[in-house]
Amino acid sequence: MADDSSASVVLFDGVCNLCNGSVNFFFSIDRRKRLKFASLQSNFGQSTLVELGKDPTHFDSILFLHQGKVYERSGAVLRIMGRIGGIWSLAVCFLVAPAFLRDACYNLIARNRYRFFGKSDTCRIPTPEEAERFME
């Protein structure tokens, strides 16, 4: 993927309030700073979407790039939690549930996220303290 395939990178919809809230949550519990972040609208996000053969104008899923692999939807969220470690790593237990069931719930929320949680006019801008963990 665009830059460093060994990095653990969370790609998210930068104008989605739910997605930004999730990033804020991940950021706050990732005390070991194992994750980096990039919006799907960023240069990194756009080039990664193109490399993956995905539509760079369609932002319907969180992506997690880890050890050269790409995870989407519920699998991405659960693996992000696992990467953070500690008590949060227990979330990976839910990977035993069939992906079609997990992703059905994920897709329902994703389809309605702007209606339920709102949308910003611009992408999230990291604070100076956060900047080192955000990719452009």
N, C-alpha and C. Protein backbone atom coordinates (compact mmCIF):
# COMPACT_ATOMS: atom_id res chain seq x y z
N MET A 1 0.85 -1.14 0.00
CA MET A 1 0.00 0.00 0.00
C MET A 1 0.91 1.22 0.00
N ALA A 2 0.36 2.30 -0.36
CA ALA A 2 1.09 3.55 -0.57
C ALA A 2 2.16 3.80 0.47
N ASP A 3 3.15 3.71 0.73
CA ASP A 3 4.15 4.12 1.69
C ASP A 3 4.74 2.95 2.43
N ASP A 4 4.16 2.54 3.54
CA ASP A 4 4.80 1.58 4.43
C ASP A 4 3.85 0.43 4.73
N SER A 5 4.08 -0.71 4.08
CA SER A 5 3.16 -1.84 4.23
C SER A 5 3.27 -2.48 5.60
N SER A 6 4.32 -2.16 6.38
CA SER A 6 4.44 -2.74 7.71
C SER A 6 3.71 -1.92 8.76
N ALA A 7 3.28 -0.70 8.41
CA ALA A 7 2.58 0.16 9.36
C ALA A 7 1.16 -0.34 9.58
N SER A 8 0.60 0.00 10.72
CA SER A 8 -0.80 -0.27 11.00
C SER A 8 -1.53 1.05 10.80
N VAL A 9 -2.29 1.14 9.71
CA VAL A 9 -2.93 2.39 9.34
C VAL A 9 -4.45 2.21 9.28
N VAL A 10 -5.17 3.11 9.93
CA VAL A 10 -6.62 3.15 9.90
C VAL A 10 -7.03 4.20 8.88
N LEU A 11 -7.77 3.80 7.85
CA LEU A 11 -8.29 4.72 6.83
C LEU A 11 -9.78 4.90 7.10
N PHE A 12 -10.22 6.14 7.20
CA PHE A 12 -11.60 6.42 7.60
C PHE A 12 -12.17 7.55 6.76
N ASP A 13 -13.50 7.64 6.75
CA ASP A 13 -14.20 8.73 6.06
C ASP A 13 -14.02 10.00 6.89
N GLY A 14 -13.25 10.94 6.37
CA GLY A 14 -12.89 12.14 7.11
C GLY A 14 -14.01 13.12 7.37
N VAL A 15 -15.15 13.01 6.68
CA VAL A 15 -16.25 13.94 6.92
C VAL A 15 -17.38 13.31 7.74
N CYS A 16 -17.25 12.04 8.05
CA CYS A 16 -18.28 11.32 8.81
C CYS A 16 -18.06 11.54 10.31
N ASN A 17 -19.07 12.04 10.99
CA ASN A 17 -18.95 12.29 12.42
C ASN A 17 -18.76 11.00 13.22
N LEU A 18 -19.42 9.91 12.83
CA LEU A 18 -19.24 8.63 13.50
C LEU A 18 -17.80 8.14 13.31
N CYS A 19 -17.30 8.25 12.10
CA CYS A 19 -15.93 7.81 11.80
C CYS A 19 -14.92 8.63 12.60
N ASN A 20 -15.11 9.94 12.65
CA ASN A 20 -14.21 10.80 13.42
C ASN A 20 -14.28 10.49 14.90
N GLY A 21 -15.48 10.19 15.38
CA GLY A 21 -15.62 9.79 16.79
C GLY A 21 -14.89 8.48 17.06
N SER A 22 -14.96 7.56 16.12
CA SER A 22 -14.24 6.29 16.26
C SER A 22 -12.74 6.52 16.28
N VAL A 23 -12.26 7.39 15.39
CA VAL A 23 -10.83 7.70 15.36
C VAL A 23 -10.41 8.34 16.68
N ASN A 24 -11.21 9.25 17.20
CA ASN A 24 -10.90 9.86 18.50
C ASN A 24 -10.81 8.80 19.59
N PHE A 25 -11.73 7.84 19.56
CA PHE A 25 -11.73 6.74 20.53
C PHE A 25 -10.47 5.90 20.38
N PHE A 26 -10.17 5.46 19.15
CA PHE A 26 -8.97 4.64 18.91
C PHE A 26 -7.72 5.39 19.35
N PHE A 27 -7.68 6.67 19.01
CA PHE A 27 -6.53 7.49 19.34
C PHE A 27 -6.33 7.54 20.86
N SER A 28 -7.42 7.70 21.59
CA SER A 28 -7.32 7.85 23.04
C SER A 28 -6.95 6.56 23.75
N ILE A 29 -7.34 5.40 23.22
CA ILE A 29 -7.02 4.14 23.91
C ILE A 29 -5.73 3.50 23.40
N ASP A 30 -5.18 4.01 22.31
CA ASP A 30 -3.94 3.47 21.75
C ASP A 30 -2.74 4.15 22.40
N ARG A 31 -2.52 3.84 23.65
CA ARG A 31 -1.45 4.50 24.42
C ARG A 31 -0.05 4.13 23.94
N ARG A 32 0.08 2.99 23.29
CA ARG A 32 1.39 2.57 22.76
C ARG A 32 1.66 3.14 21.37
N LYS A 33 0.69 3.90 20.87
CA LYS A 33 0.82 4.55 19.56
C LYS A 33 1.16 3.56 18.45
N ARG A 34 0.40 2.48 18.41
CA ARG A 34 0.60 1.45 17.39
C ARG A 34 -0.10 1.78 16.08
N LEU A 35 -1.04 2.71 16.13
CA LEU A 35 -1.83 3.03 14.94
C LEU A 35 -1.46 4.38 14.36
N LYS A 36 -1.55 4.44 13.04
CA LYS A 36 -1.49 5.70 12.31
C LYS A 36 -2.85 5.85 11.65
N PHE A 37 -3.18 7.07 11.26
CA PHE A 37 -4.50 7.36 10.72
C PHE A 37 -4.39 8.18 9.44
N ALA A 38 -5.36 7.99 8.56
CA ALA A 38 -5.47 8.80 7.34
C ALA A 38 -6.93 8.78 6.90
N SER A 39 -7.40 9.93 6.46
CA SER A 39 -8.76 9.95 5.92
C SER A 39 -8.71 9.33 4.52
N LEU A 40 -9.82 8.77 4.12
CA LEU A 40 -9.92 8.21 2.76
C LEU A 40 -9.80 9.31 1.72
N GLN A 41 -10.10 10.55 2.11
CA GLN A 41 -10.03 11.68 1.20
C GLN A 41 -8.61 12.24 1.07
N SER A 42 -7.70 11.85 1.94
CA SER A 42 -6.32 12.37 1.91
C SER A 42 -5.56 11.80 0.71
N ASN A 43 -4.40 12.38 0.43
CA ASN A 43 -3.56 11.86 -0.65
C ASN A 43 -3.22 10.39 -0.42
N PHE A 44 -2.83 10.05 0.81
CA PHE A 44 -2.51 8.66 1.14
C PHE A 44 -3.74 7.77 0.94
N GLY A 45 -4.88 8.21 1.46
CA GLY A 45 -6.12 7.44 1.32
C GLY A 45 -6.51 7.24 -0.13
N GLN A 46 -6.45 8.30 -0.90
CA GLN A 46 -6.82 8.22 -2.32
C GLN A 46 -5.89 7.28 -3.09
N SER A 47 -4.58 7.41 -2.87
CA SER A 47 -3.65 6.53 -3.59
C SER A 47 -3.80 5.09 -3.16
N THR A 48 -4.11 4.86 -1.89
CA THR A 48 -4.33 3.50 -1.41
C THR A 48 -5.59 2.90 -2.04
N LEU A 49 -6.67 3.68 -2.10
CA LEU A 49 -7.90 3.19 -2.74
C LEU A 49 -7.64 2.82 -4.19
N VAL A 50 -6.92 3.65 -4.91
CA VAL A 50 -6.61 3.37 -6.31
C VAL A 50 -5.77 2.10 -6.42
N GLU A 51 -4.74 1.96 -5.57
CA GLU A 51 -3.90 0.76 -5.57
C GLU A 51 -4.71 -0.50 -5.33
N LEU A 52 -5.73 -0.38 -4.49
CA LEU A 52 -6.57 -1.54 -4.16
C LEU A 52 -7.67 -1.79 -5.19
N GLY A 53 -7.75 -0.93 -6.21
CA GLY A 53 -8.78 -1.08 -7.23
C GLY A 53 -10.16 -0.68 -6.75
N LYS A 54 -10.21 0.18 -5.75
CA LYS A 54 -11.49 0.64 -5.20
C LYS A 54 -11.82 2.03 -5.73
N ASP A 55 -13.09 2.34 -5.75
CA ASP A 55 -13.56 3.65 -6.20
C ASP A 55 -13.11 4.72 -5.22
N PRO A 56 -12.26 5.67 -5.65
CA PRO A 56 -11.75 6.68 -4.73
C PRO A 56 -12.77 7.76 -4.36
N THR A 57 -14.01 7.62 -4.80
CA THR A 57 -15.05 8.58 -4.42
C THR A 57 -16.12 7.93 -3.54
N HIS A 58 -15.94 6.66 -3.21
CA HIS A 58 -16.93 5.90 -2.43
C HIS A 58 -16.31 5.52 -1.09
N PHE A 59 -16.83 6.09 -0.01
CA PHE A 59 -16.24 5.93 1.31
C PHE A 59 -17.18 5.17 2.25
N ASP A 60 -17.48 3.93 1.92
CA ASP A 60 -18.47 3.18 2.68
C ASP A 60 -17.89 2.24 3.72
N SER A 61 -16.56 2.17 3.86
CA SER A 61 -15.98 1.24 4.80
C SER A 61 -14.69 1.78 5.40
N ILE A 62 -14.49 1.48 6.66
CA ILE A 62 -13.20 1.72 7.28
C ILE A 62 -12.25 0.67 6.71
N LEU A 63 -11.01 1.03 6.52
CA LEU A 63 -9.99 0.08 6.07
C LEU A 63 -8.89 0.05 7.12
N PHE A 64 -8.30 -1.11 7.30
CA PHE A 64 -7.17 -1.25 8.22
C PHE A 64 -6.07 -1.95 7.47
N LEU A 65 -4.93 -1.27 7.34
CA LEU A 65 -3.76 -1.82 6.68
C LEU A 65 -2.81 -2.29 7.77
N HIS A 66 -2.52 -3.59 7.76
CA HIS A 66 -1.66 -4.15 8.81
C HIS A 66 -0.85 -5.30 8.25
N GLN A 67 0.45 -5.20 8.38
CA GLN A 67 1.39 -6.24 7.94
C GLN A 67 1.14 -6.66 6.50
N GLY A 68 0.93 -5.66 5.64
CA GLY A 68 0.76 -5.93 4.22
C GLY A 68 -0.61 -6.45 3.82
N LYS A 69 -1.54 -6.53 4.76
CA LYS A 69 -2.90 -6.99 4.47
C LYS A 69 -3.88 -5.84 4.64
N VAL A 70 -5.02 -5.98 3.96
CA VAL A 70 -6.07 -4.97 4.03
C VAL A 70 -7.33 -5.62 4.60
N TYR A 71 -7.87 -5.00 5.62
CA TYR A 71 -9.10 -5.48 6.24
C TYR A 71 -10.16 -4.39 6.09
N GLU A 72 -11.40 -4.83 5.91
CA GLU A 72 -12.51 -3.90 5.72
C GLU A 72 -13.63 -4.20 6.71
N ARG A 73 -14.50 -3.24 6.85
CA ARG A 73 -15.75 -3.37 7.60
C ARG A 73 -15.51 -3.88 9.02
N SER A 74 -16.32 -4.83 9.46
CA SER A 74 -16.23 -5.31 10.84
C SER A 74 -14.89 -5.97 11.11
N GLY A 75 -14.33 -6.64 10.12
CA GLY A 75 -13.02 -7.27 10.29
C GLY A 75 -11.95 -6.24 10.59
N ALA A 76 -12.05 -5.07 9.96
CA ALA A 76 -11.10 -4.00 10.22
C ALA A 76 -11.24 -3.49 11.65
N VAL A 77 -12.46 -3.22 12.08
CA VAL A 77 -12.69 -2.68 13.42
C VAL A 77 -12.18 -3.65 14.48
N LEU A 78 -12.49 -4.92 14.33
CA LEU A 78 -12.07 -5.91 15.32
C LEU A 78 -10.55 -6.06 15.36
N ARG A 79 -9.92 -6.03 14.20
CA ARG A 79 -8.46 -6.14 14.16
C ARG A 79 -7.77 -4.87 14.68
N ILE A 80 -8.40 -3.72 14.49
CA ILE A 80 -7.87 -2.49 15.07
C ILE A 80 -7.85 -2.63 16.59
N MET A 81 -8.94 -3.10 17.15
CA MET A 81 -9.02 -3.28 18.60
C MET A 81 -7.95 -4.27 19.06
N GLY A 82 -7.77 -5.33 18.31
CA GLY A 82 -6.74 -6.32 18.64
C GLY A 82 -5.35 -5.71 18.61
N ARG A 83 -5.09 -4.85 17.65
CA ARG A 83 -3.78 -4.21 17.52
C ARG A 83 -3.51 -3.26 18.68
N ILE A 84 -4.55 -2.61 19.20
CA ILE A 84 -4.38 -1.70 20.33
C ILE A 84 -3.91 -2.48 21.55
N GLY A 85 -4.41 -3.69 21.70
CA GLY A 85 -3.95 -4.55 22.79
C GLY A 85 -4.73 -4.34 24.07
N GLY A 86 -4.20 -4.91 25.13
CA GLY A 86 -4.85 -4.84 26.44
C GLY A 86 -6.22 -5.49 26.40
N ILE A 87 -7.11 -5.00 27.21
CA ILE A 87 -8.47 -5.54 27.28
C ILE A 87 -9.17 -5.45 25.94
N TRP A 88 -8.79 -4.45 25.13
CA TRP A 88 -9.43 -4.23 23.83
C TRP A 88 -9.19 -5.38 22.87
N SER A 89 -8.11 -6.12 23.07
CA SER A 89 -7.81 -7.22 22.16
C SER A 89 -8.83 -8.36 22.27
N LEU A 90 -9.63 -8.36 23.31
CA LEU A 90 -10.68 -9.37 23.43
C LEU A 90 -11.71 -9.25 22.30
N ALA A 91 -11.78 -8.10 21.68
CA ALA A 91 -12.73 -7.90 20.58
C ALA A 91 -12.48 -8.87 19.43
N VAL A 92 -11.25 -9.34 19.27
CA VAL A 92 -10.96 -10.26 18.16
C VAL A 92 -11.72 -11.57 18.31
N CYS A 93 -12.21 -11.87 19.50
CA CYS A 93 -13.03 -13.07 19.69
C CYS A 93 -14.25 -13.06 18.77
N PHE A 94 -14.74 -11.87 18.44
CA PHE A 94 -15.91 -11.76 17.57
C PHE A 94 -15.61 -12.13 16.13
N LEU A 95 -14.34 -12.31 15.80
CA LEU A 95 -14.00 -12.76 14.44
C LEU A 95 -14.48 -14.17 14.16
N VAL A 96 -14.83 -14.93 15.21
CA VAL A 96 -15.37 -16.28 14.99
C VAL A 96 -16.78 -16.22 14.40
N ALA A 97 -17.48 -15.12 14.63
CA ALA A 97 -18.81 -14.96 14.03
C ALA A 97 -18.64 -14.82 12.52
N PRO A 98 -19.55 -15.38 11.75
CA PRO A 98 -19.42 -15.29 10.29
C PRO A 98 -19.39 -13.83 9.82
N ALA A 99 -18.48 -13.57 8.89
CA ALA A 99 -18.29 -12.21 8.38
C ALA A 99 -19.59 -11.65 7.80
N PHE A 100 -20.39 -12.48 7.15
CA PHE A 100 -21.63 -11.96 6.54
C PHE A 100 -22.58 -11.43 7.61
N LEU A 101 -22.58 -12.02 8.80
CA LEU A 101 -23.43 -11.50 9.88
C LEU A 101 -22.85 -10.22 10.47
N ARG A 102 -21.54 -10.25 10.77
CA ARG A 102 -20.90 -9.05 11.32
C ARG A 102 -21.04 -7.88 10.35
N ASP A 103 -20.79 -8.15 9.07
CA ASP A 103 -20.82 -7.08 8.07
C ASP A 103 -22.23 -6.60 7.76
N ALA A 104 -23.23 -7.44 7.97
CA ALA A 104 -24.61 -6.99 7.78
C ALA A 104 -24.92 -5.87 8.78
N CYS A 105 -24.50 -6.04 10.02
CA CYS A 105 -24.69 -4.99 11.04
C CYS A 105 -23.87 -3.76 10.68
N TYR A 106 -22.62 -3.99 10.31
CA TYR A 106 -21.73 -2.88 9.93
C TYR A 106 -22.35 -2.09 8.77
N ASN A 107 -22.81 -2.80 7.74
CA ASN A 107 -23.36 -2.14 6.55
C ASN A 107 -24.61 -1.33 6.87
N LEU A 108 -25.44 -1.83 7.77
CA LEU A 108 -26.64 -1.09 8.17
C LEU A 108 -26.26 0.25 8.79
N ILE A 109 -25.29 0.23 9.68
CA ILE A 109 -24.83 1.48 10.30
C ILE A 109 -24.15 2.37 9.26
N ALA A 110 -23.29 1.78 8.43
CA ALA A 110 -22.55 2.56 7.42
C ALA A 110 -23.50 3.28 6.46
N ARG A 111 -24.56 2.60 6.04
CA ARG A 111 -25.51 3.21 5.10
C ARG A 111 -26.24 4.40 5.72
N ASN A 112 -26.39 4.39 7.01
CA ASN A 112 -27.18 5.42 7.70
C ASN A 112 -26.34 6.35 8.57
N ARG A 113 -25.03 6.26 8.50
CA ARG A 113 -24.17 7.00 9.43
C ARG A 113 -24.32 8.51 9.32
N TYR A 114 -24.50 9.04 8.12
CA TYR A 114 -24.65 10.49 7.98
C TYR A 114 -26.00 10.93 8.56
N ARG A 115 -27.02 10.13 8.36
CA ARG A 115 -28.34 10.48 8.88
C ARG A 115 -28.37 10.41 10.40
N PHE A 116 -27.75 9.37 10.97
CA PHE A 116 -27.76 9.19 12.43
C PHE A 116 -26.77 10.09 13.15
N PHE A 117 -25.59 10.29 12.57
CA PHE A 117 -24.51 10.97 13.29
C PHE A 117 -24.06 12.28 12.65
N GLY A 118 -24.51 12.54 11.44
CA GLY A 118 -24.16 13.80 10.78
C GLY A 118 -22.88 13.71 9.96
N LYS A 119 -22.63 14.82 9.29
CA LYS A 119 -21.50 14.89 8.36
C LYS A 119 -20.90 16.28 8.47
N SER A 120 -19.58 16.36 8.41
CA SER A 120 -18.88 17.64 8.44
C SER A 120 -18.67 18.14 7.02
N ASP A 121 -18.45 19.42 6.89
CA ASP A 121 -18.17 20.00 5.57
C ASP A 121 -16.74 19.73 5.13
N THR A 122 -15.85 19.53 6.09
CA THR A 122 -14.44 19.30 5.77
C THR A 122 -13.92 18.10 6.56
N CYS A 123 -12.78 17.60 6.13
CA CYS A 123 -12.15 16.48 6.83
C CYS A 123 -11.56 16.94 8.16
N ARG A 124 -11.43 16.02 9.04
CA ARG A 124 -10.84 16.24 10.36
C ARG A 124 -9.41 16.72 10.21
N ILE A 125 -9.05 17.72 10.99
CA ILE A 125 -7.69 18.23 10.98
C ILE A 125 -7.06 17.85 12.32
N PRO A 126 -5.96 17.11 12.28
CA PRO A 126 -5.34 16.70 13.55
C PRO A 126 -4.76 17.89 14.31
N THR A 127 -4.80 17.78 15.62
CA THR A 127 -4.16 18.78 16.45
C THR A 127 -2.64 18.63 16.30
N PRO A 128 -1.87 19.63 16.72
CA PRO A 128 -0.41 19.49 16.64
C PRO A 128 0.12 18.24 17.36
N GLU A 129 -0.50 17.87 18.48
CA GLU A 129 -0.09 16.68 19.22
C GLU A 129 -0.40 15.39 18.45
N GLU A 130 -1.43 15.42 17.65
CA GLU A 130 -1.84 14.23 16.89
C GLU A 130 -1.13 14.10 15.55
N ALA A 131 -0.58 15.19 15.05
CA ALA A 131 -0.08 15.26 13.67
C ALA A 131 0.90 14.15 13.31
N GLU A 132 1.76 13.75 14.21
CA GLU A 132 2.75 12.72 13.90
C GLU A 132 2.12 11.37 13.60
N ARG A 133 0.88 11.16 13.99
CA ARG A 133 0.22 9.88 13.77
C ARG A 133 -0.78 9.91 12.61
N PHE A 134 -0.86 11.06 11.93
CA PHE A 134 -1.75 11.19 10.78
C PHE A 134 -0.93 11.27 9.51
N MET A 135 -1.35 10.51 8.52
CA MET A 135 -0.68 10.49 7.23
C MET A 135 -1.41 11.44 6.30
N GLU A 136 -0.70 12.07 5.39
CA GLU A 136 -1.32 13.06 4.50
C GLU A 136 -1.70 12.47 3.18
